[in-house]
Amino acid sequence: MSHSSTMQNAEAFEIRFQSLFNQGRALAFPCDSTGVVNLDAMSEKARTNYLFARGMIGREYAVPFVQPREPY
């Protein structure tokens, strides 16, 4: 797979962390089809939020799931 098709794949999906306590609250981040995010491409704030969500699985957020991203 070429680098450009890998990038397209990464932009086509998101990993979503749904709040356990508030259905309207979730954090979502671009990822590839397997849920791998590119931490180097994230802003500092997005990276902090992603790492926070991962650390709070089972406490604040449900186990994340990968889904296709909505087109803009």
PDB file of N, CA and C in Angstrom:
ATOM      1  N   MET A   1       0.850  -1.178   0.000  1.00  0.00           N
ATOM      2  CA  MET A   1       0.000   0.000   0.000  1.00  0.00           C
ATOM      3  C   MET A   1       0.891   1.234   0.000  1.00  0.00           C
ATOM      4  N   SER A   2       0.531   2.186  -0.803  1.00  0.00           N
ATOM      5  CA  SER A   2       1.331   3.401  -0.888  1.00  0.00           C
ATOM      6  C   SER A   2       1.055   4.307   0.296  1.00  0.00           C
ATOM      7  N   HIS A   3       1.963   5.253   0.506  1.00  0.00           N
ATOM      8  CA  HIS A   3       1.818   6.210   1.606  1.00  0.00           C
ATOM      9  C   HIS A   3       0.532   7.019   1.457  1.00  0.00           C
ATOM     10  N   SER A   4       0.201   7.446   0.228  1.00  0.00           N
ATOM     11  CA  SER A   4      -0.992   8.269   0.022  1.00  0.00           C
ATOM     12  C   SER A   4      -2.263   7.479   0.309  1.00  0.00           C
ATOM     13  N   SER A   5      -2.310   6.186  -0.049  1.00  0.00           N
ATOM     14  CA  SER A   5      -3.503   5.402   0.259  1.00  0.00           C
ATOM     15  C   SER A   5      -3.600   5.127   1.753  1.00  0.00           C
ATOM     16  N   THR A   6      -2.459   5.021   2.432  1.00  0.00           N
ATOM     17  CA  THR A   6      -2.481   4.883   3.888  1.00  0.00           C
ATOM     18  C   THR A   6      -3.056   6.139   4.525  1.00  0.00           C
ATOM     19  N   MET A   7      -2.663   7.306   4.029  1.00  0.00           N
ATOM     20  CA  MET A   7      -3.183   8.559   4.561  1.00  0.00           C
ATOM     21  C   MET A   7      -4.680   8.688   4.300  1.00  0.00           C
ATOM     22  N   GLN A   8      -5.145   8.292   3.118  1.00  0.00           N
ATOM     23  CA  GLN A   8      -6.562   8.346   2.818  1.00  0.00           C
ATOM     24  C   GLN A   8      -7.321   7.424   3.754  1.00  0.00           C
ATOM     25  N   ASN A   9      -6.787   6.239   3.992  1.00  0.00           N
ATOM     26  CA  ASN A   9      -7.412   5.292   4.908  1.00  0.00           C
ATOM     27  C   ASN A   9      -7.488   5.882   6.311  1.00  0.00           C
ATOM     28  N   ALA A  10      -6.426   6.559   6.740  1.00  0.00           N
ATOM     29  CA  ALA A  10      -6.398   7.149   8.078  1.00  0.00           C
ATOM     30  C   ALA A  10      -7.447   8.246   8.217  1.00  0.00           C
ATOM     31  N   GLU A  11      -7.734   8.953   7.151  1.00  0.00           N
ATOM     32  CA  GLU A  11      -8.694  10.031   7.214  1.00  0.00           C
ATOM     33  C   GLU A  11     -10.131   9.533   7.056  1.00  0.00           C
ATOM     34  N   ALA A  12     -10.321   8.287   6.705  1.00  0.00           N
ATOM     35  CA  ALA A  12     -11.653   7.754   6.447  1.00  0.00           C
ATOM     36  C   ALA A  12     -12.322   7.196   7.703  1.00  0.00           C
ATOM     37  N   PHE A  13     -11.583   7.046   8.797  1.00  0.00           N
ATOM     38  CA  PHE A  13     -12.124   6.439  10.017  1.00  0.00           C
ATOM     39  C   PHE A  13     -11.841   7.317  11.231  1.00  0.00           C
ATOM     40  N   GLU A  14     -12.594   7.057  12.282  1.00  0.00           N
ATOM     41  CA  GLU A  14     -12.334   7.710  13.562  1.00  0.00           C
ATOM     42  C   GLU A  14     -12.522   6.694  14.673  1.00  0.00           C
ATOM     43  N   ILE A  15     -11.748   6.879  15.737  1.00  0.00           N
ATOM     44  CA  ILE A  15     -11.930   6.080  16.939  1.00  0.00           C
ATOM     45  C   ILE A  15     -12.721   6.948  17.901  1.00  0.00           C
ATOM     46  N   ARG A  16     -13.806   6.387  18.422  1.00  0.00           N
ATOM     47  CA  ARG A  16     -14.749   7.162  19.226  1.00  0.00           C
ATOM     48  C   ARG A  16     -14.820   6.602  20.639  1.00  0.00           C
ATOM     49  N   PHE A  17     -14.633   7.491  21.605  1.00  0.00           N
ATOM     50  CA  PHE A  17     -14.737   7.167  23.029  1.00  0.00           C
ATOM     51  C   PHE A  17     -16.043   7.780  23.529  1.00  0.00           C
ATOM     52  N   GLN A  18     -17.047   6.951  23.776  1.00  0.00           N
ATOM     53  CA  GLN A  18     -18.355   7.419  24.219  1.00  0.00           C
ATOM     54  C   GLN A  18     -18.366   7.511  25.747  1.00  0.00           C
ATOM     55  N   SER A  19     -18.923   8.603  26.266  1.00  0.00           N
ATOM     56  CA  SER A  19     -19.034   8.774  27.715  1.00  0.00           C
ATOM     57  C   SER A  19     -19.931   7.690  28.303  1.00  0.00           C
ATOM     58  N   LEU A  20     -19.565   7.188  29.458  1.00  0.00           N
ATOM     59  CA  LEU A  20     -20.400   6.210  30.164  1.00  0.00           C
ATOM     60  C   LEU A  20     -21.592   6.870  30.843  1.00  0.00           C
ATOM     61  N   PHE A  21     -21.514   8.165  31.077  1.00  0.00           N
ATOM     62  CA  PHE A  21     -22.522   8.848  31.883  1.00  0.00           C
ATOM     63  C   PHE A  21     -23.369   9.851  31.120  1.00  0.00           C
ATOM     64  N   ASN A  22     -22.922  10.259  29.944  1.00  0.00           N
ATOM     65  CA  ASN A  22     -23.640  11.264  29.172  1.00  0.00           C
ATOM     66  C   ASN A  22     -23.598  10.860  27.701  1.00  0.00           C
ATOM     67  N   GLN A  23     -24.714  10.340  27.190  1.00  0.00           N
ATOM     68  CA  GLN A  23     -24.744   9.826  25.823  1.00  0.00           C
ATOM     69  C   GLN A  23     -24.363  10.880  24.789  1.00  0.00           C
ATOM     70  N   GLY A  24     -24.590  12.142  25.064  1.00  0.00           N
ATOM     71  CA  GLY A  24     -24.256  13.195  24.127  1.00  0.00           C
ATOM     72  C   GLY A  24     -22.792  13.602  24.147  1.00  0.00           C
ATOM     73  N   ARG A  25     -22.022  13.007  25.018  1.00  0.00           N
ATOM     74  CA  ARG A  25     -20.616  13.384  25.167  1.00  0.00           C
ATOM     75  C   ARG A  25     -19.711  12.259  24.684  1.00  0.00           C
ATOM     76  N   ALA A  26     -18.788  12.611  23.806  1.00  0.00           N
ATOM     77  CA  ALA A  26     -17.835  11.627  23.287  1.00  0.00           C
ATOM     78  C   ALA A  26     -16.613  12.379  22.773  1.00  0.00           C
ATOM     79  N   LEU A  27     -15.524  11.663  22.657  1.00  0.00           N
ATOM     80  CA  LEU A  27     -14.314  12.182  22.019  1.00  0.00           C
ATOM     81  C   LEU A  27     -14.021  11.281  20.819  1.00  0.00           C
ATOM     82  N   ALA A  28     -13.692  11.883  19.684  1.00  0.00           N
ATOM     83  CA  ALA A  28     -13.392  11.114  18.472  1.00  0.00           C
ATOM     84  C   ALA A  28     -12.123  11.658  17.837  1.00  0.00           C
ATOM     85  N   PHE A  29     -11.326  10.753  17.291  1.00  0.00           N
ATOM     86  CA  PHE A  29     -10.029  11.108  16.718  1.00  0.00           C
ATOM     87  C   PHE A  29      -9.824  10.358  15.409  1.00  0.00           C
ATOM     88  N   PRO A  30      -9.202  10.991  14.414  1.00  0.00           N
ATOM     89  CA  PRO A  30      -8.910  10.300  13.155  1.00  0.00           C
ATOM     90  C   PRO A  30      -8.010   9.093  13.405  1.00  0.00           C
ATOM     91  N   CYS A  31      -8.286   8.013  12.680  1.00  0.00           N
ATOM     92  CA  CYS A  31      -7.481   6.795  12.820  1.00  0.00           C
ATOM     93  C   CYS A  31      -7.553   6.002  11.527  1.00  0.00           C
ATOM     94  N   ASP A  32      -6.809   4.907  11.479  1.00  0.00           N
ATOM     95  CA  ASP A  32      -6.936   4.011  10.335  1.00  0.00           C
ATOM     96  C   ASP A  32      -8.038   2.999  10.626  1.00  0.00           C
ATOM     97  N   SER A  33      -8.255   2.071   9.723  1.00  0.00           N
ATOM     98  CA  SER A  33      -9.359   1.122   9.869  1.00  0.00           C
ATOM     99  C   SER A  33      -9.201   0.176  11.057  1.00  0.00           C
ATOM    100  N   THR A  34      -7.995   0.106  11.620  1.00  0.00           N
ATOM    101  CA  THR A  34      -7.770  -0.760  12.780  1.00  0.00           C
ATOM    102  C   THR A  34      -7.762   0.016  14.101  1.00  0.00           C
ATOM    103  N   GLY A  35      -7.974   1.333  14.040  1.00  0.00           N
ATOM    104  CA  GLY A  35      -8.024   2.143  15.257  1.00  0.00           C
ATOM    105  C   GLY A  35      -6.710   2.780  15.653  1.00  0.00           C
ATOM    106  N   VAL A  36      -5.693   2.679  14.806  1.00  0.00           N
ATOM    107  CA  VAL A  36      -4.392   3.277  15.108  1.00  0.00           C
ATOM    108  C   VAL A  36      -4.427   4.762  14.751  1.00  0.00           C
ATOM    109  N   VAL A  37      -4.080   5.596  15.718  1.00  0.00           N
ATOM    110  CA  VAL A  37      -4.032   7.045  15.487  1.00  0.00           C
ATOM    111  C   VAL A  37      -2.587   7.467  15.257  1.00  0.00           C
ATOM    112  N   ASN A  38      -2.419   8.585  14.559  1.00  0.00           N
ATOM    113  CA  ASN A  38      -1.092   9.140  14.309  1.00  0.00           C
ATOM    114  C   ASN A  38      -0.872  10.251  15.340  1.00  0.00           C
ATOM    115  N   LEU A  39      -0.255   9.914  16.456  1.00  0.00           N
ATOM    116  CA  LEU A  39      -0.032  10.888  17.527  1.00  0.00           C
ATOM    117  C   LEU A  39       0.798  12.073  17.060  1.00  0.00           C
ATOM    118  N   ASP A  40       1.724  11.841  16.148  1.00  0.00           N
ATOM    119  CA  ASP A  40       2.589  12.922  15.662  1.00  0.00           C
ATOM    120  C   ASP A  40       1.817  13.960  14.852  1.00  0.00           C
ATOM    121  N   ALA A  41       0.703  13.561  14.245  1.00  0.00           N
ATOM    122  CA  ALA A  41      -0.083  14.481  13.421  1.00  0.00           C
ATOM    123  C   ALA A  41      -1.104  15.264  14.237  1.00  0.00           C
ATOM    124  N   MET A  42      -1.288  14.900  15.507  1.00  0.00           N
ATOM    125  CA  MET A  42      -2.284  15.558  16.359  1.00  0.00           C
ATOM    126  C   MET A  42      -1.730  16.833  16.968  1.00  0.00           C
ATOM    127  N   SER A  43      -2.634  17.774  17.229  1.00  0.00           N
ATOM    128  CA  SER A  43      -2.245  18.947  18.004  1.00  0.00           C
ATOM    129  C   SER A  43      -1.977  18.499  19.437  1.00  0.00           C
ATOM    130  N   GLU A  44      -1.326  19.348  20.194  1.00  0.00           N
ATOM    131  CA  GLU A  44      -1.039  19.017  21.594  1.00  0.00           C
ATOM    132  C   GLU A  44      -2.325  18.764  22.371  1.00  0.00           C
ATOM    133  N   LYS A  45      -3.325  19.602  22.156  1.00  0.00           N
ATOM    134  CA  LYS A  45      -4.606  19.444  22.861  1.00  0.00           C
ATOM    135  C   LYS A  45      -5.294  18.136  22.475  1.00  0.00           C
ATOM    136  N   ALA A  46      -5.322  17.808  21.186  1.00  0.00           N
ATOM    137  CA  ALA A  46      -5.943  16.561  20.743  1.00  0.00           C
ATOM    138  C   ALA A  46      -5.203  15.357  21.316  1.00  0.00           C
ATOM    139  N   ARG A  47      -3.878  15.409  21.313  1.00  0.00           N
ATOM    140  CA  ARG A  47      -3.071  14.313  21.871  1.00  0.00           C
ATOM    141  C   ARG A  47      -3.364  14.139  23.357  1.00  0.00           C
ATOM    142  N   THR A  48      -3.447  15.235  24.091  1.00  0.00           N
ATOM    143  CA  THR A  48      -3.762  15.175  25.526  1.00  0.00           C
ATOM    144  C   THR A  48      -5.147  14.573  25.746  1.00  0.00           C
ATOM    145  N   ASN A  49      -6.131  15.010  24.955  1.00  0.00           N
ATOM    146  CA  ASN A  49      -7.489  14.471  25.079  1.00  0.00           C
ATOM    147  C   ASN A  49      -7.541  12.986  24.740  1.00  0.00           C
ATOM    148  N   TYR A  50      -6.814  12.581  23.696  1.00  0.00           N
ATOM    149  CA  TYR A  50      -6.774  11.171  23.304  1.00  0.00           C
ATOM    150  C   TYR A  50      -6.180  10.316  24.426  1.00  0.00           C
ATOM    151  N   LEU A  51      -5.050  10.744  24.959  1.00  0.00           N
ATOM    152  CA  LEU A  51      -4.405   9.975  26.024  1.00  0.00           C
ATOM    153  C   LEU A  51      -5.268   9.947  27.292  1.00  0.00           C
ATOM    154  N   PHE A  52      -5.951  11.053  27.576  1.00  0.00           N
ATOM    155  CA  PHE A  52      -6.877  11.088  28.713  1.00  0.00           C
ATOM    156  C   PHE A  52      -8.006  10.079  28.508  1.00  0.00           C
ATOM    157  N   ALA A  53      -8.616  10.091  27.330  1.00  0.00           N
ATOM    158  CA  ALA A  53      -9.726   9.170  27.048  1.00  0.00           C
ATOM    159  C   ALA A  53      -9.271   7.720  27.169  1.00  0.00           C
ATOM    160  N   ARG A  54      -8.102   7.419  26.642  1.00  0.00           N
ATOM    161  CA  ARG A  54      -7.585   6.045  26.762  1.00  0.00           C
ATOM    162  C   ARG A  54      -7.401   5.644  28.216  1.00  0.00           C
ATOM    163  N   GLY A  55      -6.897   6.573  29.019  1.00  0.00           N
ATOM    164  CA  GLY A  55      -6.663   6.278  30.432  1.00  0.00           C
ATOM    165  C   GLY A  55      -7.936   6.176  31.257  1.00  0.00           C
ATOM    166  N   MET A  56      -9.022   6.711  30.732  1.00  0.00           N
ATOM    167  CA  MET A  56     -10.285   6.724  31.479  1.00  0.00           C
ATOM    168  C   MET A  56     -11.299   5.692  30.974  1.00  0.00           C
ATOM    169  N   ILE A  57     -10.849   4.748  30.145  1.00  0.00           N
ATOM    170  CA  ILE A  57     -11.738   3.674  29.689  1.00  0.00           C
ATOM    171  C   ILE A  57     -12.190   2.878  30.905  1.00  0.00           C
ATOM    172  N   GLY A  58     -13.488   2.702  31.021  1.00  0.00           N
ATOM    173  CA  GLY A  58     -14.064   1.963  32.149  1.00  0.00           C
ATOM    174  C   GLY A  58     -14.394   2.843  33.326  1.00  0.00           C
ATOM    175  N   ARG A  59     -13.892   4.064  33.342  1.00  0.00           N
ATOM    176  CA  ARG A  59     -14.188   5.009  34.427  1.00  0.00           C
ATOM    177  C   ARG A  59     -15.079   6.139  33.936  1.00  0.00           C
ATOM    178  N   GLU A  60     -14.692   6.740  32.829  1.00  0.00           N
ATOM    179  CA  GLU A  60     -15.441   7.856  32.244  1.00  0.00           C
ATOM    180  C   GLU A  60     -15.944   7.524  30.839  1.00  0.00           C
ATOM    181  N   TYR A  61     -15.155   6.708  30.110  1.00  0.00           N
ATOM    182  CA  TYR A  61     -15.481   6.379  28.725  1.00  0.00           C
ATOM    183  C   TYR A  61     -15.602   4.872  28.530  1.00  0.00           C
ATOM    184  N   ALA A  62     -16.482   4.497  27.598  1.00  0.00           N
ATOM    185  CA  ALA A  62     -16.637   3.089  27.224  1.00  0.00           C
ATOM    186  C   ALA A  62     -15.457   2.665  26.358  1.00  0.00           C
ATOM    187  N   VAL A  63     -15.338   1.372  26.146  1.00  0.00           N
ATOM    188  CA  VAL A  63     -14.316   0.864  25.234  1.00  0.00           C
ATOM    189  C   VAL A  63     -14.547   1.524  23.880  1.00  0.00           C
ATOM    190  N   PRO A  64     -13.508   2.089  23.277  1.00  0.00           N
ATOM    191  CA  PRO A  64     -13.697   2.824  22.019  1.00  0.00           C
ATOM    192  C   PRO A  64     -14.039   1.886  20.864  1.00  0.00           C
ATOM    193  N   PHE A  65     -14.639   2.474  19.841  1.00  0.00           N
ATOM    194  CA  PHE A  65     -14.937   1.724  18.628  1.00  0.00           C
ATOM    195  C   PHE A  65     -14.535   2.566  17.423  1.00  0.00           C
ATOM    196  N   VAL A  66     -14.244   1.883  16.333  1.00  0.00           N
ATOM    197  CA  VAL A  66     -13.846   2.535  15.083  1.00  0.00           C
ATOM    198  C   VAL A  66     -15.058   2.589  14.173  1.00  0.00           C
ATOM    199  N   GLN A  67     -15.245   3.745  13.551  1.00  0.00           N
ATOM    200  CA  GLN A  67     -16.353   3.913  12.615  1.00  0.00           C
ATOM    201  C   GLN A  67     -15.898   4.805  11.467  1.00  0.00           C
ATOM    202  N   PRO A  68     -16.588   4.707  10.330  1.00  0.00           N
ATOM    203  CA  PRO A  68     -16.262   5.612   9.225  1.00  0.00           C
ATOM    204  C   PRO A  68     -16.527   7.052   9.645  1.00  0.00           C
ATOM    205  N   ARG A  69     -15.674   7.954   9.195  1.00  0.00           N
ATOM    206  CA  ARG A  69     -15.873   9.382   9.502  1.00  0.00           C
ATOM    207  C   ARG A  69     -16.965   9.940   8.624  1.00  0.00           C
ATOM    208  N   GLU A  70     -17.701  10.863   9.171  1.00  0.00           N
ATOM    209  CA  GLU A  70     -18.724  11.564   8.400  1.00  0.00           C
ATOM    210  C   GLU A  70     -18.031  12.505   7.417  1.00  0.00           C
ATOM    211  N   PRO A  71     -18.512  12.552   6.166  1.00  0.00           N
ATOM    212  CA  PRO A  71     -17.915  13.511   5.229  1.00  0.00           C
ATOM    213  C   PRO A  71     -18.237  14.943   5.651  1.00  0.00           C
ATOM    214  N   TYR A  72     -17.302  15.833   5.381  1.00  0.00           N
ATOM    215  CA  TYR A  72     -17.493  17.237   5.765  1.00  0.00           C
ATOM    216  C   TYR A  72     -18.345  17.928   4.756  1.00  0.00           C
TER     217      TYR A  72
END
